[in-house]
């Protein structure tokens, strides 16, 4: 029968952390075992001396085959001389000063300057305070990234979660694909990150039913302390309709209420055949529906909740269109287009401007070419271009003066 190995409480905790796969680095093992770095280092070195673990110079720690299957028992603590290990924060110490600064969640990068300590010392204090159970952090692999007290209710985000949260627009909803483009993170990973942010109450799914993949910030997400104000924002999806005629019909129904197709066409000066086809199209898109009352043929149309949401998404595009008009720029025919107003103005000038007269030296589409006259081609002789078959009448008189 195999004899069990007697270990102290800290040594057994480190061995259990290695067996659970919590990590191979000393910091992760110390956090999992609720020890400070010095206690974790002594316990790990003891495991190496017993043949239960190996190390590559103290950077990474791994279990040996014996350490994976050995039976252990907790030995009674020995009475030793010297200072006993601390079990609470000592008033006036560096750990107490760090804890006093955490009146709100902070980033670990600002603590060294506030405490006049090195980054390494702050890192050690954070691990020690975590062993006391008085602070928490977002990422065990980087404990000093974002720190807060355990009694603080604010959510702490990892680096990738912070990037995704900062990419959402302030008020508008957007798609996860556009968030992935803005953050340069894989779309599958962005989906998992947004789900974690949604569980934390920072992001919510939009109520729009015509698009089921829109997400927006909640009030808590918009005011979260880790959301960067300078990060790149995801683009806003293009409106479901880009036609001014569609926007006009939806606005007319929202203002006037349920209206017959004939009256909508007369009010907006749209031909009867066109307004009939347009209303059927909006009906298929679930933007409008007939209102009960009257015959089915003459029943008025009213906006659906989806239609009101569609109109709300088209309003910012219309505002950009009106701003362009007030600024003296050409009207944007398609406010939802990605092309800029300047590009449309330049293209409109090229199309609407006068035709440029063909030059004499142009080939292929020149004026003389169109009238059937032959264009003389230069011949090359001795490295110099010599033009032949040119009559003296076509050359100026100065060409014959020596």
Protein backbone atom coordinates (compact mmCIF):
# COMPACT_ATOMS: atom_id res chain seq x y z
CA UNK A 1 0.00 0.00 0.00
CA UNK A 2 1.35 3.39 -1.00
CA UNK A 3 2.18 5.66 1.91
CA UNK A 4 0.68 9.13 1.89
CA UNK A 5 2.91 12.20 1.80
CA UNK A 6 2.47 14.72 4.61
CA UNK A 7 2.23 18.31 3.37
CA UNK A 8 1.48 21.61 5.02
CA UNK A 9 -1.70 23.52 4.25
CA UNK A 10 0.01 25.89 1.77
CA UNK A 11 1.87 23.03 0.07
CA UNK A 12 -1.30 20.99 -0.31
CA UNK A 13 -3.13 24.05 -1.70
CA UNK A 14 -0.41 24.58 -4.33
CA UNK A 15 -0.46 20.90 -5.28
CA UNK A 16 -4.24 21.03 -5.66
CA UNK A 17 -3.94 24.16 -7.82
CA UNK A 18 -1.51 22.36 -10.13
CA UNK A 19 -3.76 19.32 -10.33
CA UNK A 20 -6.81 21.45 -11.16
CA UNK A 21 -5.00 23.01 -14.12
CA UNK A 22 -5.43 26.54 -12.80
CA UNK A 23 -2.07 27.52 -14.22
CA UNK A 24 1.61 26.85 -14.37
CA UNK A 25 2.83 30.30 -13.35
CA UNK A 26 3.46 31.18 -9.74
CA UNK A 27 1.03 34.10 -9.80
CA UNK A 28 -1.89 31.95 -10.97
CA UNK A 29 -1.02 29.22 -8.47
CA UNK A 30 -0.84 31.76 -5.63
CA UNK A 31 -4.20 33.26 -6.58
CA UNK A 32 -5.83 29.83 -6.79
CA UNK A 33 -4.33 28.76 -3.44
CA UNK A 34 -5.11 32.12 -1.72
CA UNK A 35 -1.45 32.70 -0.87
CA UNK A 36 0.94 35.56 -1.38
CA UNK A 37 3.89 35.19 -3.73
CA UNK A 38 6.42 34.39 -0.98
CA UNK A 39 4.25 31.67 0.55
CA UNK A 40 3.52 30.17 -2.87
CA UNK A 41 7.23 30.20 -3.78
CA UNK A 42 8.23 28.34 -0.59
CA UNK A 43 5.47 25.77 -1.02
CA UNK A 44 6.36 25.11 -4.67
CA UNK A 45 10.04 24.67 -3.87
CA UNK A 46 9.06 22.13 -1.22
CA UNK A 47 6.99 20.22 -3.81
CA UNK A 48 10.03 20.15 -6.10
CA UNK A 49 12.24 18.76 -3.32
CA UNK A 50 9.69 15.99 -2.69
CA UNK A 51 9.63 15.07 -6.37
CA UNK A 52 6.00 16.14 -6.82
CA UNK A 53 6.67 19.04 -9.20
CA UNK A 54 9.30 20.39 -11.59
CA UNK A 55 10.25 23.89 -12.66
CA UNK A 56 12.27 25.55 -15.41
CA UNK A 57 14.05 28.09 -13.24
CA UNK A 58 10.99 29.30 -11.35
CA UNK A 59 9.03 30.56 -14.37
CA UNK A 60 6.73 27.59 -14.98
CA UNK A 61 5.76 24.75 -12.65
CA UNK A 62 4.52 21.32 -13.69
CA UNK A 63 3.49 18.13 -11.94
CA UNK A 64 5.58 14.99 -12.10
CA UNK A 65 3.95 11.57 -12.60
CA UNK A 66 4.36 11.02 -8.87
CA UNK A 67 2.69 14.34 -8.10
CA UNK A 68 -0.32 13.41 -10.24
CA UNK A 69 -1.12 10.17 -8.41
CA UNK A 70 0.43 10.57 -4.94
CA UNK A 71 -1.78 10.41 -1.85
CA UNK A 72 -1.28 13.36 0.47
CA UNK A 73 -2.22 14.19 4.01
CA UNK A 74 -2.21 17.48 5.91
CA UNK A 75 0.53 17.58 8.55
CA UNK A 76 -0.09 19.51 11.77
CA UNK A 77 1.53 22.97 11.74
CA UNK A 78 4.94 23.15 13.37
CA UNK A 79 5.69 25.72 16.01
CA UNK A 80 8.43 27.91 14.60
CA UNK A 81 10.18 31.02 15.77
CA UNK A 82 10.06 34.35 14.00
CA UNK A 83 7.26 36.47 12.63
CA UNK A 84 4.03 34.65 11.95
CA UNK A 85 2.43 35.02 8.54
CA UNK A 86 -0.08 37.84 8.30
CA UNK A 87 -3.76 36.99 8.11
CA UNK A 88 -5.10 40.55 7.73
CA UNK A 89 -4.06 43.95 6.43
CA UNK A 90 -1.78 45.80 8.84
CA UNK A 91 -2.84 49.44 9.33
CA UNK A 92 -0.34 51.91 7.92
CA UNK A 93 1.34 49.39 5.63
CA UNK A 94 1.64 49.68 1.85
CA UNK A 95 -1.19 47.18 1.46
CA UNK A 96 -3.41 49.35 3.65
CA UNK A 97 -2.57 52.46 1.61
CA UNK A 98 -3.36 50.59 -1.62
CA UNK A 99 -6.67 49.40 -0.18
CA UNK A 100 -7.52 52.98 0.83
CA UNK A 101 -7.05 54.14 -2.77
CA UNK A 102 -9.62 51.66 -3.98
CA UNK A 103 -12.56 53.87 -3.03
CA UNK A 104 -13.57 53.27 -6.63
CA UNK A 105 -12.41 50.73 -9.24
CA UNK A 106 -9.01 51.64 -10.61
CA UNK A 107 -6.48 50.49 -13.14
CA UNK A 108 -3.28 49.04 -11.77
CA UNK A 109 -1.21 51.24 -14.08
CA UNK A 110 -2.06 54.35 -12.03
CA UNK A 111 -1.24 52.84 -8.62
CA UNK A 112 2.59 52.97 -8.72
CA UNK A 113 2.58 56.76 -9.11
CA UNK A 114 -0.04 57.23 -6.39
CA UNK A 115 1.78 54.96 -3.92
CA UNK A 116 5.35 55.88 -4.94
CA UNK A 117 6.12 52.19 -5.41
CA UNK A 118 7.45 50.10 -8.24
CA UNK A 119 5.16 48.14 -10.52
CA UNK A 120 6.56 44.88 -9.19
CA UNK A 121 5.81 45.86 -5.60
CA UNK A 122 2.24 46.86 -6.53
CA UNK A 123 1.85 43.50 -8.25
CA UNK A 124 2.95 41.72 -5.05
CA UNK A 125 0.55 43.75 -2.92
CA UNK A 126 -2.38 43.00 -5.22
CA UNK A 127 -1.73 39.25 -4.92
CA UNK A 128 -1.39 39.54 -1.15
CA UNK A 129 -4.64 41.48 -0.80
CA UNK A 130 -6.36 38.91 -2.98
CA UNK A 131 -5.21 36.20 -0.55
CA UNK A 132 -6.92 38.17 2.23
CA UNK A 133 -10.12 38.24 0.15
CA UNK A 134 -10.52 42.03 0.22
CA UNK A 135 -10.02 42.83 -3.48
CA UNK A 136 -10.91 41.29 -6.81
CA UNK A 137 -9.71 41.77 -10.37
CA UNK A 138 -10.90 41.09 -13.89
CA UNK A 139 -8.15 38.93 -15.37
CA UNK A 140 -6.06 36.48 -13.28
CA UNK A 141 -3.40 36.50 -16.00
CA UNK A 142 -3.02 40.24 -15.44
CA UNK A 143 -4.20 41.02 -11.88
CA UNK A 144 -3.22 44.68 -12.03
CA UNK A 145 -5.27 45.53 -15.14
CA UNK A 146 -8.50 46.46 -13.31
CA UNK A 147 -8.90 46.23 -9.53
CA UNK A 148 -11.80 46.82 -7.16
CA UNK A 149 -12.85 45.96 -3.64
CA UNK A 150 -14.85 42.83 -3.11
CA UNK A 151 -17.76 44.89 -1.80
CA UNK A 152 -17.76 47.05 -4.96
CA UNK A 153 -20.64 46.16 -7.29
CA UNK A 154 -19.13 47.59 -10.49
CA UNK A 155 -18.33 45.00 -13.16
CA UNK A 156 -14.66 44.51 -14.01
CA UNK A 157 -13.88 43.73 -17.66
CA UNK A 158 -10.96 41.97 -19.26
CA UNK A 159 -8.98 43.63 -22.04
CA UNK A 160 -10.98 42.03 -24.85
CA UNK A 161 -14.30 42.78 -23.16
CA UNK A 162 -13.26 46.39 -22.73
CA UNK A 163 -12.39 46.68 -26.43
CA UNK A 164 -15.76 45.28 -27.48
CA UNK A 165 -17.69 47.51 -25.08
CA UNK A 166 -15.82 50.61 -26.28
CA UNK A 167 -16.62 49.81 -29.92
CA UNK A 168 -20.40 50.20 -29.51
CA UNK A 169 -21.87 53.55 -30.60
CA UNK A 170 -23.25 55.82 -27.93
CA UNK A 171 -26.96 55.60 -28.76
CA UNK A 172 -27.43 53.65 -32.00
CA UNK A 173 -27.59 49.90 -32.40
CA UNK A 174 -25.14 48.00 -34.58
CA UNK A 175 -24.35 44.48 -35.71
CA UNK A 176 -21.78 42.14 -34.23
CA UNK A 177 -20.00 41.94 -37.57
CA UNK A 178 -19.37 45.70 -37.53
CA UNK A 179 -18.10 45.44 -33.94
CA UNK A 180 -15.70 42.71 -35.07
CA UNK A 181 -14.43 44.97 -37.86
CA UNK A 182 -13.92 47.91 -35.49
CA UNK A 183 -12.10 45.85 -32.85
CA UNK A 184 -10.25 43.53 -35.27
CA UNK A 185 -11.39 40.51 -33.25
CA UNK A 186 -12.74 37.30 -34.72
CA UNK A 187 -16.52 37.40 -35.17
CA UNK A 188 -17.06 34.15 -33.26
CA UNK A 189 -15.11 35.50 -30.30
CA UNK A 190 -17.00 38.79 -30.47
CA UNK A 191 -20.28 36.86 -30.18
CA UNK A 192 -19.09 35.17 -26.99
CA UNK A 193 -17.81 38.48 -25.58
CA UNK A 194 -21.09 40.26 -26.30
CA UNK A 195 -22.97 37.46 -24.55
CA UNK A 196 -20.82 37.96 -21.44
CA UNK A 197 -21.41 41.72 -21.60
CA UNK A 198 -25.13 41.09 -21.97
CA UNK A 199 -25.12 38.90 -18.85
CA UNK A 200 -23.39 41.74 -17.00
CA UNK A 201 -26.16 44.15 -18.09
CA UNK A 202 -23.89 46.34 -20.22
CA UNK A 203 -25.23 45.40 -23.68
CA UNK A 204 -28.73 44.45 -24.75
CA UNK A 205 -30.32 43.11 -27.88
CA UNK A 206 -32.30 45.64 -29.86
CA UNK A 207 -36.05 45.27 -29.93
CA UNK A 208 -36.17 45.74 -33.70
CA UNK A 209 -37.91 42.75 -35.23
CA UNK A 210 -36.96 43.34 -38.84
CA UNK A 211 -33.32 42.81 -37.87
CA UNK A 212 -32.62 40.29 -35.13
CA UNK A 213 -28.86 40.85 -34.88
CA UNK A 214 -28.71 44.44 -33.62
CA UNK A 215 -27.21 45.23 -30.22
CA UNK A 216 -26.96 48.48 -28.31
CA UNK A 217 -25.47 49.79 -25.07
CA UNK A 218 -27.52 49.94 -21.91
CA UNK A 219 -27.37 52.89 -19.54
CA UNK A 220 -24.90 50.97 -17.37
CA UNK A 221 -22.74 50.11 -20.39
CA UNK A 222 -22.71 53.68 -21.69
CA UNK A 223 -21.50 55.02 -18.33
CA UNK A 224 -19.13 52.18 -17.46
CA UNK A 225 -15.80 53.45 -16.20
CA UNK A 226 -13.79 51.14 -18.48
CA UNK A 227 -15.45 52.29 -21.70
CA UNK A 228 -12.91 54.30 -23.68
CA UNK A 229 -13.94 57.63 -25.17
CA UNK A 230 -11.25 57.52 -27.88
CA UNK A 231 -11.71 53.96 -29.15
CA UNK A 232 -12.86 53.33 -32.68
CA UNK A 233 -16.64 53.00 -32.88
CA UNK A 234 -18.45 50.43 -35.00
CA UNK A 235 -20.31 51.75 -38.02
CA UNK A 236 -24.06 52.14 -37.88
CA UNK A 237 -25.94 49.78 -40.23
CA UNK A 238 -27.49 51.32 -43.28
CA UNK A 239 -31.25 52.02 -43.05
CA UNK A 240 -33.58 49.25 -44.25
CA UNK A 241 -34.93 51.65 -46.90
CA UNK A 242 -32.94 54.33 -48.68
CA UNK A 243 -35.72 55.78 -50.79
CA UNK A 244 -37.03 59.23 -49.96
CA UNK A 245 -40.40 58.16 -51.29
CA UNK A 246 -40.56 55.32 -48.74
CA UNK A 247 -39.55 57.66 -45.96
CA UNK A 248 -42.18 60.14 -47.09
CA UNK A 249 -44.93 57.49 -47.01
CA UNK A 250 -43.92 56.27 -43.55
CA UNK A 251 -43.72 59.85 -42.24
CA UNK A 252 -47.11 60.63 -43.77
CA UNK A 253 -48.71 57.66 -42.03
CA UNK A 254 -47.06 58.51 -38.72
CA UNK A 255 -48.35 62.11 -38.93
CA UNK A 256 -51.81 61.56 -40.40
CA UNK A 257 -52.58 58.15 -38.96
CA UNK A 258 -54.32 55.37 -40.90
CA UNK A 259 -54.93 56.59 -44.46
CA UNK A 260 -56.23 55.07 -47.67
CA UNK A 261 -53.81 54.40 -50.49
CA UNK A 262 -55.53 56.90 -52.77
CA UNK A 263 -55.27 59.71 -50.24
CA UNK A 264 -51.58 58.94 -49.60
CA UNK A 265 -50.86 59.21 -53.32
CA UNK A 266 -52.74 62.51 -53.60
CA UNK A 267 -51.06 63.94 -50.51
CA UNK A 268 -47.55 63.05 -51.70
CA UNK A 269 -48.17 63.62 -55.43
CA UNK A 270 -47.39 60.01 -56.29
CA UNK A 271 -49.13 58.38 -59.27
CA UNK A 272 -51.85 55.91 -58.40
CA UNK A 273 -50.12 52.93 -59.97
CA UNK A 274 -46.84 53.71 -58.19
CA UNK A 275 -48.43 54.21 -54.78
CA UNK A 276 -50.34 50.94 -55.11
CA UNK A 277 -47.15 49.00 -55.83
CA UNK A 278 -45.28 50.84 -53.05
CA UNK A 279 -47.93 50.05 -50.43
CA UNK A 280 -47.91 46.38 -51.38
CA UNK A 281 -44.11 46.37 -51.07
CA UNK A 282 -44.27 47.96 -47.60
CA UNK A 283 -46.96 45.49 -46.62
CA UNK A 284 -44.68 42.58 -47.55
CA UNK A 285 -41.90 44.18 -45.47
CA UNK A 286 -44.34 44.33 -42.52
CA UNK A 287 -43.94 48.10 -42.33
CA UNK A 288 -47.65 48.83 -42.88
CA UNK A 289 -50.87 46.90 -42.49
CA UNK A 290 -54.53 47.46 -43.16
CA UNK A 291 -56.65 48.79 -40.33
CA UNK A 292 -59.97 47.13 -39.61
CA UNK A 293 -63.00 49.03 -40.73
CA UNK A 294 -64.58 49.51 -44.12
CA UNK A 295 -64.29 47.21 -47.06
CA UNK A 296 -61.10 45.25 -47.57
CA UNK A 297 -60.51 47.00 -50.88
CA UNK A 298 -60.69 50.49 -49.40
CA UNK A 299 -59.27 49.75 -45.95
CA UNK A 300 -56.80 52.39 -44.76
CA UNK A 301 -53.18 51.54 -44.03
CA UNK A 302 -51.44 52.23 -40.75
CA UNK A 303 -47.88 51.90 -39.46
CA UNK A 304 -46.80 48.75 -37.66
CA UNK A 305 -44.31 48.82 -34.74
CA UNK A 306 -41.70 47.55 -37.19
CA UNK A 307 -42.53 50.41 -39.55
CA UNK A 308 -42.01 52.96 -36.79
CA UNK A 309 -38.62 51.43 -36.00
CA UNK A 310 -37.69 51.55 -39.69
CA UNK A 311 -38.67 55.21 -39.86
CA UNK A 312 -36.61 55.97 -36.76
CA UNK A 313 -33.52 54.45 -38.38
CA UNK A 314 -34.05 56.52 -41.52
CA UNK A 315 -34.28 59.83 -39.64
CA UNK A 316 -30.50 60.34 -39.06
CA UNK A 317 -29.85 59.77 -42.76
CA UNK A 318 -32.47 62.40 -43.62
CA UNK A 319 -30.88 64.84 -41.20
CA UNK A 320 -27.52 64.40 -42.92
CA UNK A 321 -29.28 65.06 -46.22
CA UNK A 322 -30.81 68.30 -44.92
CA UNK A 323 -27.49 69.45 -43.46
CA UNK A 324 -25.87 68.99 -46.86
CA UNK A 325 -28.55 71.15 -48.43
CA UNK A 326 -28.14 73.91 -45.84
CA UNK A 327 -24.37 73.88 -46.37
CA UNK A 328 -24.86 74.61 -50.07
CA UNK A 329 -23.77 71.17 -51.25
CA UNK A 330 -25.70 69.21 -53.87
CA UNK A 331 -28.60 67.19 -52.55
CA UNK A 332 -27.80 63.59 -51.73
CA UNK A 333 -30.21 61.41 -53.66
CA UNK A 334 -29.46 58.42 -51.46
CA UNK A 335 -28.77 59.57 -47.89
CA UNK A 336 -28.04 56.01 -46.75
CA UNK A 337 -25.26 55.49 -49.29
CA UNK A 338 -21.70 55.09 -48.08
CA UNK A 339 -20.33 57.49 -50.63
CA UNK A 340 -19.65 60.98 -49.39
CA UNK A 341 -21.49 64.09 -50.46
CA UNK A 342 -18.34 65.45 -52.08
CA UNK A 343 -18.01 62.34 -54.24
CA UNK A 344 -21.61 62.65 -55.39
CA UNK A 345 -21.10 66.34 -56.16
CA UNK A 346 -17.99 65.59 -58.20
CA UNK A 347 -19.72 62.83 -60.10
CA UNK A 348 -22.74 65.03 -60.71
CA UNK A 349 -20.50 67.75 -62.15
CA UNK A 350 -18.88 65.28 -64.50
CA UNK A 351 -22.22 64.00 -65.73
CA UNK A 352 -24.14 67.26 -65.97
CA UNK A 353 -21.29 69.43 -67.27
CA UNK A 354 -20.80 70.37 -70.94
CA UNK A 355 -19.13 67.91 -73.24
CA UNK A 356 -15.43 68.58 -73.62
CA UNK A 357 -14.48 69.25 -77.27
CA UNK A 358 -12.14 66.72 -78.76
CA UNK A 359 -8.55 67.80 -79.31
CA UNK A 360 -6.86 67.57 -82.63
CA UNK A 361 -4.19 65.17 -81.40
CA UNK A 362 -6.62 62.69 -79.83
CA UNK A 363 -6.93 59.31 -81.41
CA UNK A 364 -9.84 56.95 -81.57
CA UNK A 365 -12.62 59.34 -80.44
CA UNK A 366 -11.35 62.67 -81.81
CA UNK A 367 -13.50 65.00 -83.88
CA UNK A 368 -11.59 64.36 -87.10
CA UNK A 369 -11.70 60.65 -86.51
CA UNK A 370 -15.48 60.77 -86.20
CA UNK A 371 -15.76 62.67 -89.51
CA UNK A 372 -13.76 60.02 -91.33
CA UNK A 373 -10.51 61.90 -91.81
CA UNK A 374 -7.36 59.87 -91.59
CA UNK A 375 -4.95 60.55 -88.76
CA UNK A 376 -1.34 60.48 -89.84
CA UNK A 377 0.90 58.18 -87.83
CA UNK A 378 4.55 59.12 -87.30
CA UNK A 379 7.20 56.80 -88.71
CA UNK A 380 10.47 56.16 -86.96
CA UNK A 381 13.75 56.18 -88.88
CA UNK A 382 17.21 56.28 -87.33
CA UNK A 383 15.80 56.91 -83.87
CA UNK A 384 14.03 60.13 -84.98
CA UNK A 385 10.34 60.56 -85.70
CA UNK A 386 9.73 61.82 -89.24
CA UNK A 387 6.27 62.74 -90.38
CA UNK A 388 5.63 62.06 -94.06
CA UNK A 389 2.75 62.69 -96.41
CA UNK A 390 2.20 66.15 -95.00
CA UNK A 391 1.55 68.81 -97.55
CA UNK A 392 3.09 72.22 -97.37
CA UNK A 393 -0.35 73.73 -97.01
CA UNK A 394 -0.78 72.07 -93.60
CA UNK A 395 2.44 73.56 -92.20
CA UNK A 396 2.89 77.17 -91.15
CA UNK A 397 5.05 79.45 -93.29
CA UNK A 398 7.60 79.80 -90.49
CA UNK A 399 8.49 76.16 -90.89
CA UNK A 400 10.17 76.88 -94.26
CA UNK A 401 12.24 79.81 -93.04
CA UNK A 402 15.83 79.04 -92.24
